[in-house]
């Protein structure tokens, strides 16, 4: 008597079960061309975003005669540009072809980064940081929007995570580049190491820009990508229809505003993202560098390099949570688990004695789990807004705009660089503890509850429509 042994089911998979070979090839092509560009662009964005704090502690402050709080103002002007540009940038990304639009913005912000090396005062850097934020405003939400236009609901989160992962790598790489330049290029051709940093960053952007112009596929409804055949182009549109969504060009009309404003997604995700930004976790790498510098016992290379451990924690957390969310659908529970670790990190940073260096280092490093909230919330938003592309195009950047708008004065007043590293007079880290608690509750209970309520309401509406269209359905068997 023979027995049949059931083949164990994999707990992970890249393709959804039942995907045929031709569709797998299509997905692989999309993964390669969309993700390689988006990861390179996001790497470049974070490289350019992080270099300001690395150069500040590596000679810029001294060479330009800064006093104490210029670094906080550099962040503030960047955030103002980001807030002003985000929503218009994504709406324009849905109107224009991203193959032209996104790389052009990459070019503009790379030029602004380059010009910082010529700056002689803080005011010039304020203006350039504003323009960098303005031109970078489409990178994060615009790419998430593009990913949502090509992938199914259960494919989005993993792709979004890989995209954001590149930012972590860029954040860490910036530190290593500055460290290397400090040792090899300081004083070359009459330029300080921090000036070379901005030149190198701008040069790194050139191949990314060229790649985007050549290989981005635009959207399913208007793609002319040479690497997609006719069947693949049609199948890309069919996949969205099967998922209850469509790909179409964004058109601007006042009648589209009301359903967006009164949607639960807009308000729920904006509030959730606000709670995340108000934890100030995204600034922890900068706080970590300032803490190490305040101790007066470490070299500039150590101050630039050691905090990149935080980025390593971020990378591991990002990879694991992306797969967990896609494969289990438990986005709320994942947010709660990560939030508890972040809460412990802030308690250690706030309450740990200033002279207990190992404990405070551990707190900073543990805070590296923060990064997964951005891809989880944007992916979650992509999924729940999938049937309304206008709602999706507005809600994703609105999250980032509102989040940056509230965190800009928050970090400016509660984390002024002159108060580093303890921020005792402002009690900054204690505020972070409170907002982390709010984040845990909102993402673990409120958003999942609203999602279930919305699904139940849609099911009832569909049932009532069927009853109106087919009133005699119950008598069909008679």
Protein backbone atom coordinates (compact mmCIF):
# COMPACT_ATOMS: atom_id res chain seq x y z
CA UNK A 1 0.00 0.00 0.00
CA UNK A 2 1.54 3.28 -1.07
CA UNK A 3 1.00 6.54 0.64
CA UNK A 4 0.99 9.96 -0.92
CA UNK A 5 3.19 12.48 0.81
CA UNK A 6 1.89 16.01 0.48
CA UNK A 7 4.41 18.47 -0.86
CA UNK A 8 5.09 21.11 1.80
CA UNK A 9 3.84 24.56 0.98
CA UNK A 10 6.50 27.25 0.87
CA UNK A 11 5.99 29.97 3.42
CA UNK A 12 7.47 32.44 0.94
CA UNK A 13 7.15 32.99 -2.80
CA UNK A 14 8.04 35.75 -5.23
CA UNK A 15 5.23 34.98 -7.70
CA UNK A 16 1.65 34.39 -6.70
CA UNK A 17 0.62 30.70 -6.83
CA UNK A 18 -0.74 29.70 -10.24
CA UNK A 19 1.23 32.31 -12.21
CA UNK A 20 2.13 30.84 -15.61
CA UNK A 21 5.55 31.01 -17.24
CA UNK A 22 4.78 33.88 -19.65
CA UNK A 23 3.41 36.05 -16.88
CA UNK A 24 6.44 35.30 -14.71
CA UNK A 25 8.67 36.57 -17.52
CA UNK A 26 6.56 39.75 -17.68
CA UNK A 27 6.90 40.27 -13.91
CA UNK A 28 10.64 39.64 -14.04
CA UNK A 29 10.99 42.30 -16.73
CA UNK A 30 8.97 44.78 -14.70
CA UNK A 31 10.96 43.96 -11.58
CA UNK A 32 14.26 44.45 -13.35
CA UNK A 33 13.58 47.71 -15.17
CA UNK A 34 11.25 49.44 -12.69
CA UNK A 35 13.06 48.39 -9.53
CA UNK A 36 16.59 48.97 -10.82
CA UNK A 37 15.74 52.55 -11.73
CA UNK A 38 13.62 53.27 -8.65
CA UNK A 39 16.22 51.76 -6.32
CA UNK A 40 19.03 53.72 -8.00
CA UNK A 41 17.00 56.95 -7.84
CA UNK A 42 16.07 56.43 -4.20
CA UNK A 43 19.68 55.53 -3.39
CA UNK A 44 20.69 58.82 -5.00
CA UNK A 45 17.98 60.72 -3.10
CA UNK A 46 19.12 59.45 0.29
CA UNK A 47 22.75 59.88 -0.62
CA UNK A 48 22.01 63.54 -1.35
CA UNK A 49 19.73 63.87 1.69
CA UNK A 50 22.19 62.38 4.19
CA UNK A 51 25.30 64.13 2.95
CA UNK A 52 24.32 67.36 4.67
CA UNK A 53 24.70 65.92 8.19
CA UNK A 54 27.87 64.01 7.28
CA UNK A 55 29.53 67.10 5.80
CA UNK A 56 28.29 69.27 8.69
CA UNK A 57 30.25 67.21 11.26
CA UNK A 58 33.18 66.72 8.84
CA UNK A 59 34.36 70.29 8.38
CA UNK A 60 31.53 72.34 6.86
CA UNK A 61 30.49 73.86 10.18
CA UNK A 62 34.01 75.06 10.93
CA UNK A 63 34.94 76.17 7.40
CA UNK A 64 31.80 78.27 6.88
CA UNK A 65 31.69 79.65 10.41
CA UNK A 66 28.33 78.19 11.44
CA UNK A 67 27.14 78.65 15.03
CA UNK A 68 24.83 75.97 16.38
CA UNK A 69 21.46 75.41 14.68
CA UNK A 70 22.18 75.66 10.94
CA UNK A 71 21.87 71.89 10.52
CA UNK A 72 18.30 71.97 11.84
CA UNK A 73 17.50 74.79 9.39
CA UNK A 74 19.02 72.80 6.50
CA UNK A 75 16.48 70.06 7.32
CA UNK A 76 13.67 72.60 7.64
CA UNK A 77 14.22 74.24 4.25
CA UNK A 78 14.50 70.82 2.60
CA UNK A 79 11.20 69.76 4.18
CA UNK A 80 9.47 72.97 3.05
CA UNK A 81 10.42 72.23 -0.56
CA UNK A 82 9.29 68.64 -0.15
CA UNK A 83 5.91 69.67 1.27
CA UNK A 84 5.21 72.24 -1.45
CA UNK A 85 6.11 69.88 -4.30
CA UNK A 86 4.82 66.43 -3.31
CA UNK A 87 1.14 66.45 -4.30
CA UNK A 88 1.56 68.43 -7.56
CA UNK A 89 4.60 66.28 -8.40
CA UNK A 90 2.69 62.99 -8.19
CA UNK A 91 -0.34 64.33 -10.05
CA UNK A 92 2.01 65.44 -12.81
CA UNK A 93 3.71 62.02 -12.69
CA UNK A 94 0.33 60.49 -13.49
CA UNK A 95 -0.23 62.98 -16.31
CA UNK A 96 3.19 62.99 -18.00
CA UNK A 97 5.24 59.98 -19.01
CA UNK A 98 7.42 59.04 -16.00
CA UNK A 99 10.21 57.99 -18.41
CA UNK A 100 10.75 61.69 -19.15
CA UNK A 101 9.37 63.35 -16.04
CA UNK A 102 11.15 61.49 -13.22
CA UNK A 103 14.71 61.48 -14.66
CA UNK A 104 14.39 65.20 -15.44
CA UNK A 105 13.67 65.89 -11.78
CA UNK A 106 16.67 63.70 -10.89
CA UNK A 107 18.82 65.91 -13.11
CA UNK A 108 17.57 69.13 -11.51
CA UNK A 109 18.15 68.02 -7.93
CA UNK A 110 21.61 66.63 -8.79
CA UNK A 111 22.61 70.04 -10.14
CA UNK A 112 21.44 71.69 -6.91
CA UNK A 113 23.48 69.20 -4.88
CA UNK A 114 26.53 70.01 -7.00
CA UNK A 115 26.20 73.74 -6.43
CA UNK A 116 26.40 73.34 -2.62
CA UNK A 117 30.15 72.82 -2.92
CA UNK A 118 30.40 76.46 -4.07
CA UNK A 119 28.37 77.82 -1.13
CA UNK A 120 30.05 80.41 1.05
CA UNK A 121 27.29 80.93 3.61
CA UNK A 122 24.25 79.29 5.20
CA UNK A 123 21.75 81.35 3.17
CA UNK A 124 22.96 79.87 -0.11
CA UNK A 125 22.62 76.35 1.30
CA UNK A 126 19.13 77.17 2.62
CA UNK A 127 18.03 78.06 -0.93
CA UNK A 128 19.65 75.00 -2.49
CA UNK A 129 18.22 72.66 0.16
CA UNK A 130 14.75 74.06 -0.57
CA UNK A 131 15.19 73.36 -4.30
CA UNK A 132 16.55 69.86 -3.62
CA UNK A 133 13.46 69.10 -1.53
CA UNK A 134 11.20 70.54 -4.24
CA UNK A 135 12.74 68.47 -7.05
CA UNK A 136 13.03 65.31 -4.92
CA UNK A 137 9.37 65.54 -3.88
CA UNK A 138 8.21 63.21 -6.67
CA UNK A 139 10.80 60.49 -6.08
CA UNK A 140 9.22 58.67 -3.14
CA UNK A 141 5.45 59.04 -3.73
CA UNK A 142 5.82 59.10 -7.52
CA UNK A 143 7.66 55.80 -7.58
CA UNK A 144 5.19 54.19 -5.18
CA UNK A 145 2.40 55.40 -7.46
CA UNK A 146 4.15 53.88 -10.50
CA UNK A 147 4.65 50.56 -8.68
CA UNK A 148 0.95 50.54 -7.80
CA UNK A 149 0.11 50.99 -11.50
CA UNK A 150 1.95 47.81 -12.56
CA UNK A 151 1.61 45.28 -9.74
CA UNK A 152 -1.22 43.40 -8.08
CA UNK A 153 -2.20 44.00 -4.46
CA UNK A 154 -0.24 41.04 -3.09
CA UNK A 155 2.86 42.01 -5.08
CA UNK A 156 3.10 45.68 -4.14
CA UNK A 157 4.55 45.54 -0.63
CA UNK A 158 7.68 43.56 -1.50
CA UNK A 159 8.48 45.80 -4.46
CA UNK A 160 7.92 48.91 -2.37
CA UNK A 161 10.27 47.55 0.28
CA UNK A 162 13.07 46.89 -2.20
CA UNK A 163 12.66 50.42 -3.51
CA UNK A 164 12.94 51.97 -0.04
CA UNK A 165 15.80 49.64 0.86
CA UNK A 166 17.96 51.54 -1.59
CA UNK A 167 17.51 54.66 0.53
CA UNK A 168 18.98 52.85 3.52
CA UNK A 169 21.97 51.79 1.43
CA UNK A 170 22.37 55.38 0.21
CA UNK A 171 22.17 56.64 3.78
CA UNK A 172 24.99 54.30 4.85
CA UNK A 173 27.04 54.85 1.69
CA UNK A 174 27.07 58.59 2.25
CA UNK A 175 28.87 58.06 5.53
CA UNK A 176 31.51 55.80 3.96
CA UNK A 177 32.07 58.17 1.03
CA UNK A 178 32.60 61.09 3.40
CA UNK A 179 34.98 59.02 5.51
CA UNK A 180 36.98 58.01 2.43
CA UNK A 181 37.11 61.57 1.11
CA UNK A 182 38.24 62.81 4.51
CA UNK A 183 41.25 60.51 4.32
CA UNK A 184 42.15 60.90 0.63
CA UNK A 185 40.73 64.08 -0.94
CA UNK A 186 40.84 66.72 1.78
CA UNK A 187 42.71 69.70 0.34
CA UNK A 188 42.94 68.32 -3.21
CA UNK A 189 42.65 71.08 -5.82
CA UNK A 190 42.02 73.52 -3.01
CA UNK A 191 38.76 71.86 -1.96
CA UNK A 192 37.84 70.45 1.44
CA UNK A 193 36.62 66.85 1.78
CA UNK A 194 33.07 68.03 2.43
CA UNK A 195 33.07 69.95 -0.88
CA UNK A 196 34.23 66.86 -2.77
CA UNK A 197 31.28 65.03 -1.23
CA UNK A 198 28.74 67.14 -3.14
CA UNK A 199 30.71 66.86 -6.38
CA UNK A 200 30.92 63.06 -6.13
CA UNK A 201 27.22 62.75 -5.28
CA UNK A 202 26.25 64.79 -8.35
CA UNK A 203 28.46 62.66 -10.62
CA UNK A 204 26.88 59.46 -9.26
CA UNK A 205 23.51 60.77 -10.42
CA UNK A 206 24.47 60.93 -14.14
CA UNK A 207 24.10 57.20 -15.00
CA UNK A 208 20.85 56.99 -13.02
CA UNK A 209 19.36 59.83 -15.05
CA UNK A 210 20.43 58.29 -18.39
CA UNK A 211 19.10 54.87 -17.36
CA UNK A 212 15.68 56.35 -16.49
CA UNK A 213 15.36 58.13 -19.86
CA UNK A 214 16.10 54.87 -21.69
CA UNK A 215 14.40 52.12 -19.70
CA UNK A 216 11.44 53.29 -17.61
CA UNK A 217 8.28 51.66 -19.04
CA UNK A 218 5.81 54.52 -18.32
CA UNK A 219 2.37 53.01 -17.43
CA UNK A 220 0.45 49.94 -18.70
CA UNK A 221 -1.99 52.09 -20.70
CA UNK A 222 0.71 54.01 -22.61
CA UNK A 223 3.90 51.96 -22.42
CA UNK A 224 6.16 51.79 -25.44
CA UNK A 225 8.95 49.89 -23.69
CA UNK A 226 10.96 47.98 -26.29
CA UNK A 227 11.48 45.02 -23.95
CA UNK A 228 7.73 44.26 -23.63
CA UNK A 229 6.02 42.34 -26.45
CA UNK A 230 2.38 42.79 -27.46
CA UNK A 231 1.10 39.95 -25.27
CA UNK A 232 2.95 41.32 -22.23
CA UNK A 233 1.55 44.83 -22.73
CA UNK A 234 -2.00 43.49 -22.94
CA UNK A 235 -1.46 41.14 -20.01
CA UNK A 236 -0.17 44.01 -17.86
CA UNK A 237 -3.52 45.79 -18.31
CA UNK A 238 -5.52 42.57 -17.79
CA UNK A 239 -3.75 41.92 -14.49
CA UNK A 240 -4.98 45.24 -13.13
CA UNK A 241 -8.56 44.55 -14.25
CA UNK A 242 -8.40 41.18 -12.49
CA UNK A 243 -7.27 43.05 -9.38
CA UNK A 244 -10.22 45.46 -9.58
CA UNK A 245 -8.13 48.38 -10.84
CA UNK A 246 -7.29 50.17 -14.08
CA UNK A 247 -4.38 52.09 -15.60
CA UNK A 248 -5.26 55.45 -17.08
CA UNK A 249 -3.87 58.94 -17.41
CA UNK A 250 -4.77 61.31 -14.59
CA UNK A 251 -7.15 64.03 -15.71
CA UNK A 252 -7.81 67.10 -13.62
CA UNK A 253 -11.45 67.74 -12.76
CA UNK A 254 -13.24 69.35 -9.80
CA UNK A 255 -15.73 66.47 -9.65
CA UNK A 256 -12.93 64.18 -8.54
CA UNK A 257 -12.13 66.24 -5.45
CA UNK A 258 -15.17 65.40 -3.29
CA UNK A 259 -14.71 61.59 -3.13
CA UNK A 260 -11.02 62.12 -2.32
CA UNK A 261 -11.66 64.63 0.49
CA UNK A 262 -14.36 62.47 2.07
CA UNK A 263 -12.47 59.19 1.76
CA UNK A 264 -11.34 57.44 4.93
CA UNK A 265 -8.02 56.54 3.28
CA UNK A 266 -6.88 60.16 2.92
CA UNK A 267 -7.38 60.98 6.58
CA UNK A 268 -6.38 57.64 8.08
CA UNK A 269 -3.08 57.34 6.25
CA UNK A 270 -2.17 61.01 6.66
CA UNK A 271 -2.68 60.77 10.43
CA UNK A 272 -0.78 57.47 10.58
CA UNK A 273 2.15 58.90 8.64
CA UNK A 274 2.12 61.99 10.89
CA UNK A 275 2.48 59.80 13.96
CA UNK A 276 5.40 58.04 12.26
CA UNK A 277 7.24 61.24 11.33
CA UNK A 278 6.63 62.70 14.80
CA UNK A 279 8.53 59.82 16.35
CA UNK A 280 11.53 61.62 14.74
CA UNK A 281 12.99 58.17 14.06
CA UNK A 282 14.07 59.20 10.57
CA UNK A 283 16.48 61.70 12.18
CA UNK A 284 18.08 59.14 14.51
CA UNK A 285 21.15 58.63 12.31
CA UNK A 286 21.83 62.36 12.55
CA UNK A 287 21.19 62.36 16.32
CA UNK A 288 23.53 59.38 16.66
CA UNK A 289 26.35 61.22 14.88
CA UNK A 290 25.89 64.30 17.06
CA UNK A 291 25.90 62.10 20.19
CA UNK A 292 29.18 60.42 19.22
CA UNK A 293 30.74 63.78 18.36
CA UNK A 294 29.72 65.21 21.75
CA UNK A 295 31.68 62.51 23.57
CA UNK A 296 34.94 63.91 22.19
CA UNK A 297 36.61 60.52 22.07
CA UNK A 298 36.05 59.33 18.49
CA UNK A 299 37.62 60.21 15.14
CA UNK A 300 35.61 61.78 12.31
CA UNK A 301 35.80 58.48 10.40
CA UNK A 302 34.30 56.61 13.36
CA UNK A 303 31.54 59.20 13.76
CA UNK A 304 30.68 58.87 10.05
CA UNK A 305 30.90 55.07 9.87
CA UNK A 306 29.71 53.56 13.13
CA UNK A 307 26.11 54.87 12.96
CA UNK A 308 25.64 52.94 9.70
CA UNK A 309 24.89 49.93 11.92
CA UNK A 310 21.51 51.63 12.32
CA UNK A 311 21.06 51.38 8.55
CA UNK A 312 21.87 47.66 8.68
CA UNK A 313 19.08 47.13 11.22
CA UNK A 314 16.80 49.15 8.96
CA UNK A 315 17.67 46.97 5.96
CA UNK A 316 16.98 43.66 7.75
CA UNK A 317 13.69 44.96 9.17
CA UNK A 318 12.60 46.29 5.80
CA UNK A 319 13.23 43.01 3.99
CA UNK A 320 11.53 40.84 6.57
CA UNK A 321 8.44 43.01 7.12
CA UNK A 322 7.84 43.36 3.37
CA UNK A 323 7.61 39.61 2.88
CA UNK A 324 5.58 39.13 6.06
CA UNK A 325 3.01 41.76 5.03
CA UNK A 326 2.61 40.43 1.47
CA UNK A 327 2.41 36.77 2.43
CA UNK A 328 0.25 37.05 5.55
CA UNK A 329 -1.67 40.26 4.94
CA UNK A 330 -1.11 41.13 8.64
CA UNK A 331 0.07 44.69 8.15
CA UNK A 332 -1.42 45.94 11.42
CA UNK A 333 0.25 43.29 13.60
CA UNK A 334 3.56 43.89 11.83
CA UNK A 335 3.34 47.61 12.62
CA UNK A 336 2.61 46.85 16.28
CA UNK A 337 5.62 44.52 16.59
CA UNK A 338 7.97 47.05 15.01
CA UNK A 339 6.47 49.87 17.07
CA UNK A 340 7.19 48.07 20.34
CA UNK A 341 10.87 47.72 19.40
CA UNK A 342 10.99 51.41 18.45
CA UNK A 343 9.34 52.31 21.75
CA UNK A 344 12.00 50.38 23.68
CA UNK A 345 14.72 52.17 21.69
CA UNK A 346 13.37 55.62 22.57
CA UNK A 347 13.01 54.71 26.25
CA UNK A 348 16.68 53.66 26.30
CA UNK A 349 17.72 56.86 24.54
CA UNK A 350 15.64 59.11 26.78
CA UNK A 351 16.22 57.45 30.14
CA UNK A 352 19.70 55.97 29.68
CA UNK A 353 22.44 57.78 31.63
CA UNK A 354 24.49 60.04 29.38
CA UNK A 355 27.68 58.28 30.46
CA UNK A 356 26.30 54.78 29.82
CA UNK A 357 27.64 54.67 26.29
CA UNK A 358 26.81 51.00 25.46
CA UNK A 359 23.18 51.40 26.53
CA UNK A 360 22.67 54.60 24.56
CA UNK A 361 24.39 53.14 21.51
CA UNK A 362 22.02 50.17 21.73
CA UNK A 363 19.03 52.50 21.85
CA UNK A 364 20.14 54.38 18.74
CA UNK A 365 20.88 51.16 16.86
CA UNK A 366 17.52 49.56 17.77
CA UNK A 367 15.73 52.62 16.41
CA UNK A 368 16.83 51.44 12.96
CA UNK A 369 13.62 49.41 12.71
CA UNK A 370 11.75 52.65 11.94
CA UNK A 371 12.23 52.58 8.15
CA UNK A 372 9.73 49.83 7.34
CA UNK A 373 6.79 52.10 8.18
CA UNK A 374 7.13 54.09 4.95
CA UNK A 375 6.79 51.11 2.53
CA UNK A 376 4.15 49.46 4.73
CA UNK A 377 1.96 52.57 4.88
CA UNK A 378 2.43 53.53 1.22
CA UNK A 379 1.90 49.93 0.08
CA UNK A 380 -1.16 49.66 2.30
CA UNK A 381 -2.46 52.91 0.84
CA UNK A 382 -1.78 51.65 -2.71
CA UNK A 383 -3.89 48.57 -1.96
CA UNK A 384 -6.86 50.28 -0.29
CA UNK A 385 -7.03 53.06 -2.90
CA UNK A 386 -6.57 50.73 -5.87
CA UNK A 387 -10.01 51.31 -7.42
CA UNK A 388 -9.58 55.11 -7.59
CA UNK A 389 -6.35 56.24 -9.24
CA UNK A 390 -7.01 59.90 -8.36
CA UNK A 391 -7.42 58.99 -4.70
CA UNK A 392 -4.21 56.97 -4.84
CA UNK A 393 -2.29 59.74 -6.61
CA UNK A 394 -3.40 62.28 -3.97
CA UNK A 395 -3.28 60.19 -0.79
CA UNK A 396 0.27 58.83 -1.17
CA UNK A 397 1.94 62.25 -1.54
CA UNK A 398 -0.51 63.84 0.92
CA UNK A 399 0.75 61.43 3.57
CA UNK A 400 4.28 62.60 3.00
CA UNK A 401 3.35 66.30 2.74
CA UNK A 402 1.37 66.33 5.98
CA UNK A 403 3.93 64.18 7.73
CA UNK A 404 6.81 66.46 6.74
CA UNK A 405 4.76 69.57 7.49
CA UNK A 406 4.22 68.54 11.10
CA UNK A 407 7.70 67.11 11.70
CA UNK A 408 9.50 70.17 10.33
CA UNK A 409 8.66 72.52 13.23
CA UNK A 410 8.74 69.52 15.58
CA UNK A 411 12.37 68.67 14.91
CA UNK A 412 13.30 72.34 14.65
CA UNK A 413 12.04 73.20 18.15
CA UNK A 414 12.46 69.91 20.02
CA UNK A 415 15.74 68.75 18.46
CA UNK A 416 17.80 71.88 17.78
CA UNK A 417 21.36 70.81 17.01
CA UNK A 418 22.61 73.20 19.71
CA UNK A 419 20.82 71.03 22.33
CA UNK A 420 22.40 67.76 21.17
CA UNK A 421 22.79 65.07 22.25
CA UNK A 422 20.36 64.86 25.20
CA UNK A 423 17.85 67.61 24.22
CA UNK A 424 17.14 67.95 27.93
CA UNK A 425 15.54 71.39 27.86
CA UNK A 426 13.09 70.41 25.11
CA UNK A 427 12.43 66.81 26.30
CA UNK A 428 12.51 65.75 22.65
CA UNK A 429 12.90 62.01 23.20
CA UNK A 430 9.95 61.93 25.65
CA UNK A 431 7.71 63.38 22.95
CA UNK A 432 8.98 60.63 20.65
CA UNK A 433 7.87 58.01 23.17
CA UNK A 434 4.35 59.47 23.23
CA UNK A 435 4.02 59.59 19.44
CA UNK A 436 5.36 56.04 19.12
CA UNK A 437 2.54 54.86 21.41
CA UNK A 438 0.03 56.71 19.21
CA UNK A 439 1.58 55.13 16.09
CA UNK A 440 1.20 51.63 17.54
CA UNK A 441 -2.48 52.15 18.32
CA UNK A 442 -3.31 53.84 15.01
CA UNK A 443 -1.59 51.33 12.72
CA UNK A 444 -2.44 48.30 14.84
CA UNK A 445 -6.12 49.00 15.48
CA UNK A 446 -7.59 52.08 13.78
CA UNK A 447 -6.49 51.55 10.15
CA UNK A 448 -7.26 47.78 10.17
CA UNK A 449 -10.68 48.58 11.67
CA UNK A 450 -11.44 51.15 8.98
CA UNK A 451 -10.27 48.74 6.28
CA UNK A 452 -12.66 46.02 7.52
CA UNK A 453 -15.52 48.51 7.78
CA UNK A 454 -14.89 49.73 4.23
CA UNK A 455 -14.75 46.19 2.83
CA UNK A 456 -18.01 45.32 4.58
CA UNK A 457 -19.71 48.45 3.22
CA UNK A 458 -18.54 47.74 -0.34
CA UNK A 459 -19.80 44.16 -0.09
CA UNK A 460 -23.23 45.38 1.02
CA UNK A 461 -23.36 47.94 -1.82
CA UNK A 462 -22.45 45.29 -4.40
CA UNK A 463 -25.10 42.95 -3.00
CA UNK A 464 -27.79 45.65 -3.17
CA UNK A 465 -26.83 46.44 -6.79
CA UNK A 466 -27.14 42.76 -7.70
CA UNK A 467 -30.56 42.58 -6.05
CA UNK A 468 -31.73 45.61 -8.03
CA UNK A 469 -30.36 44.31 -11.34
CA UNK A 470 -31.58 40.73 -10.82
CA UNK A 471 -34.73 40.93 -8.66
CA UNK A 472 -35.96 37.48 -9.72
CA UNK A 473 -32.68 35.70 -9.18
CA UNK A 474 -34.03 33.70 -6.24
CA UNK A 475 -36.72 32.18 -8.49
CA UNK A 476 -34.34 31.05 -11.24
CA UNK A 477 -34.45 27.44 -10.10
CA UNK A 478 -38.25 27.26 -10.19
